[in-house]
Amino acid sequence: MIREIFRHWIESAGNGPFSATTTIAALLFLAAKFPHRQFNSAELSVLSGIGRTAMSQIKNASDTPFSLGKCTLQRLDGWLAKHPGFKQQ
């Protein structure tokens, strides 16, 4: 139910002038409210500020934090702590 509402909210937000801001706010809300929620790489790219190319490299790493194409923000943070070369400057 929440996923359907969130998906509809994101799709409808694309039509407004604040679509990027609204999308980021929605992702931040979900990450804070549901710490065990798994995000895809595009969503994690927005939440963490890591570029999509670096996110793809993380996803393809031998010890990737991703499972079935998704990852929690906490698991990604833990992985980044062990791999300082991927952190943003």
N, C-alpha and C. Protein backbone atom coordinates (compact mmCIF):
# COMPACT_ATOMS: atom_id res chain seq x y z
N MET A 1 0.82 -1.19 0.00
CA MET A 1 0.00 0.00 0.00
C MET A 1 0.88 1.26 0.00
N ILE A 2 1.86 1.30 0.90
CA ILE A 2 2.74 2.47 0.99
C ILE A 2 3.53 2.62 -0.29
N ARG A 3 4.00 1.49 -0.83
CA ARG A 3 4.77 1.55 -2.08
C ARG A 3 3.93 2.11 -3.22
N GLU A 4 2.66 1.72 -3.29
CA GLU A 4 1.79 2.22 -4.35
C GLU A 4 1.57 3.72 -4.20
N ILE A 5 1.36 4.16 -2.98
CA ILE A 5 1.16 5.59 -2.72
C ILE A 5 2.43 6.35 -3.06
N PHE A 6 3.59 5.81 -2.63
CA PHE A 6 4.86 6.46 -2.91
C PHE A 6 5.12 6.52 -4.41
N ARG A 7 4.88 5.42 -5.12
CA ARG A 7 5.10 5.38 -6.57
C ARG A 7 4.19 6.39 -7.27
N HIS A 8 2.93 6.46 -6.85
CA HIS A 8 2.01 7.42 -7.45
C HIS A 8 2.45 8.85 -7.14
N TRP A 9 2.93 9.08 -5.92
CA TRP A 9 3.38 10.40 -5.51
C TRP A 9 4.57 10.85 -6.36
N ILE A 10 5.52 9.94 -6.57
CA ILE A 10 6.71 10.25 -7.37
C ILE A 10 6.31 10.52 -8.82
N GLU A 11 5.43 9.68 -9.38
CA GLU A 11 5.00 9.87 -10.76
C GLU A 11 4.26 11.19 -10.94
N SER A 12 3.40 11.53 -9.98
CA SER A 12 2.66 12.78 -10.11
C SER A 12 3.55 13.98 -9.81
N ALA A 13 4.59 13.78 -9.01
CA ALA A 13 5.50 14.89 -8.69
C ALA A 13 6.31 15.30 -9.91
N GLY A 14 6.47 14.41 -10.86
CA GLY A 14 7.23 14.73 -12.06
C GLY A 14 6.60 15.83 -12.89
N ASN A 15 5.34 16.12 -12.65
CA ASN A 15 4.64 17.14 -13.43
C ASN A 15 4.74 18.53 -12.83
N GLY A 16 5.17 18.64 -11.58
CA GLY A 16 5.19 19.93 -10.90
C GLY A 16 6.54 20.61 -10.99
N PRO A 17 6.58 21.88 -10.58
CA PRO A 17 7.83 22.63 -10.64
C PRO A 17 8.86 22.19 -9.61
N PHE A 18 8.43 21.52 -8.55
CA PHE A 18 9.33 21.10 -7.49
C PHE A 18 9.53 19.59 -7.50
N SER A 19 9.52 19.00 -8.67
CA SER A 19 9.56 17.54 -8.75
C SER A 19 10.84 16.95 -8.16
N ALA A 20 11.99 17.52 -8.44
CA ALA A 20 13.24 16.98 -7.91
C ALA A 20 13.29 17.15 -6.39
N THR A 21 12.90 18.31 -5.92
CA THR A 21 12.89 18.57 -4.48
C THR A 21 11.90 17.65 -3.77
N THR A 22 10.75 17.47 -4.35
CA THR A 22 9.73 16.61 -3.76
C THR A 22 10.21 15.16 -3.73
N THR A 23 10.84 14.72 -4.79
CA THR A 23 11.34 13.35 -4.85
C THR A 23 12.42 13.12 -3.80
N ILE A 24 13.35 14.05 -3.69
CA ILE A 24 14.42 13.93 -2.69
C ILE A 24 13.83 13.92 -1.28
N ALA A 25 12.87 14.80 -1.04
CA ALA A 25 12.22 14.86 0.28
C ALA A 25 11.51 13.55 0.59
N ALA A 26 10.85 12.97 -0.40
CA ALA A 26 10.15 11.71 -0.20
C ALA A 26 11.13 10.59 0.11
N LEU A 27 12.24 10.55 -0.61
CA LEU A 27 13.25 9.52 -0.35
C LEU A 27 13.87 9.68 1.03
N LEU A 28 14.17 10.92 1.41
CA LEU A 28 14.73 11.17 2.74
C LEU A 28 13.74 10.77 3.84
N PHE A 29 12.47 11.06 3.62
CA PHE A 29 11.44 10.68 4.58
C PHE A 29 11.38 9.16 4.73
N LEU A 30 11.38 8.45 3.61
CA LEU A 30 11.32 6.99 3.66
C LEU A 30 12.55 6.41 4.34
N ALA A 31 13.72 6.97 4.05
CA ALA A 31 14.95 6.47 4.67
C ALA A 31 14.94 6.69 6.17
N ALA A 32 14.39 7.82 6.62
CA ALA A 32 14.34 8.11 8.05
C ALA A 32 13.26 7.31 8.76
N LYS A 33 12.11 7.20 8.14
CA LYS A 33 10.96 6.53 8.76
C LYS A 33 11.09 5.01 8.75
N PHE A 34 11.68 4.48 7.69
CA PHE A 34 11.82 3.04 7.53
C PHE A 34 13.29 2.70 7.28
N PRO A 35 14.11 2.62 8.34
CA PRO A 35 15.55 2.43 8.17
C PRO A 35 15.93 1.10 7.50
N HIS A 36 15.05 0.13 7.50
CA HIS A 36 15.37 -1.16 6.88
C HIS A 36 14.82 -1.26 5.46
N ARG A 37 14.29 -0.17 4.94
CA ARG A 37 13.77 -0.18 3.57
C ARG A 37 14.93 -0.28 2.59
N GLN A 38 14.74 -1.10 1.58
CA GLN A 38 15.77 -1.26 0.57
C GLN A 38 15.46 -0.34 -0.61
N PHE A 39 16.50 0.31 -1.11
CA PHE A 39 16.37 1.23 -2.24
C PHE A 39 17.14 0.68 -3.43
N ASN A 40 16.72 1.07 -4.63
CA ASN A 40 17.50 0.68 -5.81
C ASN A 40 18.66 1.65 -5.96
N SER A 41 19.52 1.39 -6.93
CA SER A 41 20.73 2.20 -7.07
C SER A 41 20.44 3.65 -7.43
N ALA A 42 19.41 3.91 -8.21
CA ALA A 42 19.07 5.29 -8.56
C ALA A 42 18.63 6.07 -7.33
N GLU A 43 17.81 5.44 -6.49
CA GLU A 43 17.35 6.09 -5.26
C GLU A 43 18.51 6.32 -4.30
N LEU A 44 19.39 5.33 -4.17
CA LEU A 44 20.55 5.48 -3.29
C LEU A 44 21.50 6.54 -3.81
N SER A 45 21.58 6.69 -5.10
CA SER A 45 22.41 7.73 -5.69
C SER A 45 21.93 9.11 -5.25
N VAL A 46 20.62 9.30 -5.22
CA VAL A 46 20.04 10.56 -4.78
C VAL A 46 20.25 10.75 -3.28
N LEU A 47 20.00 9.71 -2.50
CA LEU A 47 20.11 9.81 -1.04
C LEU A 47 21.53 10.02 -0.55
N SER A 48 22.49 9.35 -1.19
CA SER A 48 23.86 9.39 -0.69
C SER A 48 24.74 10.42 -1.38
N GLY A 49 24.31 10.90 -2.53
CA GLY A 49 25.12 11.86 -3.28
C GLY A 49 26.22 11.21 -4.09
N ILE A 50 26.19 9.90 -4.18
CA ILE A 50 27.17 9.17 -4.98
C ILE A 50 26.66 9.11 -6.41
N GLY A 51 27.54 9.36 -7.35
CA GLY A 51 27.15 9.35 -8.75
C GLY A 51 26.72 7.97 -9.21
N ARG A 52 26.00 7.94 -10.32
CA ARG A 52 25.48 6.66 -10.83
C ARG A 52 26.59 5.74 -11.29
N THR A 53 27.67 6.30 -11.83
CA THR A 53 28.78 5.46 -12.27
C THR A 53 29.43 4.76 -11.07
N ALA A 54 29.69 5.52 -10.01
CA ALA A 54 30.26 4.94 -8.80
C ALA A 54 29.29 3.93 -8.18
N MET A 55 27.99 4.25 -8.22
CA MET A 55 26.99 3.33 -7.67
C MET A 55 26.99 2.02 -8.46
N SER A 56 27.16 2.11 -9.77
CA SER A 56 27.22 0.91 -10.60
C SER A 56 28.46 0.08 -10.26
N GLN A 57 29.58 0.75 -9.99
CA GLN A 57 30.80 0.05 -9.59
C GLN A 57 30.62 -0.64 -8.25
N ILE A 58 29.94 0.03 -7.33
CA ILE A 58 29.66 -0.57 -6.01
C ILE A 58 28.76 -1.79 -6.20
N LYS A 59 27.77 -1.65 -7.06
CA LYS A 59 26.82 -2.74 -7.31
C LYS A 59 27.51 -3.96 -7.91
N ASN A 60 28.56 -3.73 -8.71
CA ASN A 60 29.27 -4.82 -9.37
C ASN A 60 30.50 -5.30 -8.60
N ALA A 61 30.77 -4.73 -7.43
CA ALA A 61 31.92 -5.14 -6.63
C ALA A 61 31.72 -6.57 -6.12
N SER A 62 32.82 -7.24 -5.85
CA SER A 62 32.73 -8.64 -5.38
C SER A 62 32.06 -8.75 -4.01
N ASP A 63 32.22 -7.74 -3.17
CA ASP A 63 31.60 -7.75 -1.83
C ASP A 63 30.48 -6.71 -1.73
N THR A 64 29.71 -6.60 -2.78
CA THR A 64 28.67 -5.58 -2.88
C THR A 64 27.66 -5.65 -1.72
N PRO A 65 27.17 -4.51 -1.27
CA PRO A 65 26.14 -4.51 -0.24
C PRO A 65 24.74 -4.75 -0.83
N PHE A 66 24.64 -4.77 -2.15
CA PHE A 66 23.34 -4.96 -2.82
C PHE A 66 22.93 -6.42 -2.81
N SER A 67 21.65 -6.63 -2.64
CA SER A 67 21.07 -7.95 -2.71
C SER A 67 19.83 -7.87 -3.60
N LEU A 68 19.83 -8.63 -4.67
CA LEU A 68 18.74 -8.60 -5.64
C LEU A 68 18.50 -7.19 -6.18
N GLY A 69 19.58 -6.44 -6.35
CA GLY A 69 19.50 -5.10 -6.94
C GLY A 69 19.09 -4.01 -5.98
N LYS A 70 18.94 -4.32 -4.70
CA LYS A 70 18.53 -3.31 -3.72
C LYS A 70 19.42 -3.35 -2.51
N CYS A 71 19.43 -2.25 -1.76
CA CYS A 71 20.31 -2.13 -0.60
C CYS A 71 19.71 -1.12 0.38
N THR A 72 19.95 -1.32 1.66
CA THR A 72 19.53 -0.33 2.65
C THR A 72 20.59 0.76 2.72
N LEU A 73 20.20 1.92 3.18
CA LEU A 73 21.13 3.03 3.32
C LEU A 73 22.21 2.71 4.35
N GLN A 74 21.84 2.02 5.43
CA GLN A 74 22.80 1.66 6.46
C GLN A 74 23.84 0.67 5.93
N ARG A 75 23.39 -0.30 5.14
CA ARG A 75 24.32 -1.29 4.59
C ARG A 75 25.29 -0.61 3.62
N LEU A 76 24.78 0.35 2.83
CA LEU A 76 25.66 1.09 1.92
C LEU A 76 26.67 1.92 2.71
N ASP A 77 26.22 2.57 3.77
CA ASP A 77 27.13 3.36 4.61
C ASP A 77 28.23 2.48 5.21
N GLY A 78 27.87 1.29 5.67
CA GLY A 78 28.86 0.37 6.21
C GLY A 78 29.86 -0.06 5.16
N TRP A 79 29.38 -0.31 3.96
CA TRP A 79 30.28 -0.72 2.88
C TRP A 79 31.22 0.43 2.52
N LEU A 80 30.69 1.65 2.46
CA LEU A 80 31.52 2.82 2.13
C LEU A 80 32.58 3.06 3.20
N ALA A 81 32.27 2.76 4.45
CA ALA A 81 33.26 2.94 5.52
C ALA A 81 34.45 2.00 5.32
N LYS A 82 34.20 0.83 4.75
CA LYS A 82 35.27 -0.14 4.51
C LYS A 82 36.00 0.13 3.19
N HIS A 83 35.43 0.96 2.34
CA HIS A 83 36.01 1.25 1.02
C HIS A 83 36.08 2.77 0.84
N PRO A 84 37.05 3.44 1.47
CA PRO A 84 37.10 4.90 1.43
C PRO A 84 37.32 5.50 0.04
N GLY A 85 37.77 4.73 -0.93
CA GLY A 85 37.97 5.25 -2.27
C GLY A 85 36.68 5.62 -2.97
N PHE A 86 35.56 5.11 -2.50
CA PHE A 86 34.26 5.41 -3.12
C PHE A 86 33.56 6.60 -2.50
N LYS A 87 34.07 7.13 -1.40
CA LYS A 87 33.42 8.26 -0.74
C LYS A 87 33.58 9.52 -1.58
N GLN A 88 32.57 10.35 -1.54
CA GLN A 88 32.60 11.62 -2.27
C GLN A 88 33.51 12.58 -1.53
N GLN A 89 34.21 13.41 -2.26
CA GLN A 89 35.09 14.41 -1.67
C GLN A 89 34.28 15.58 -1.15
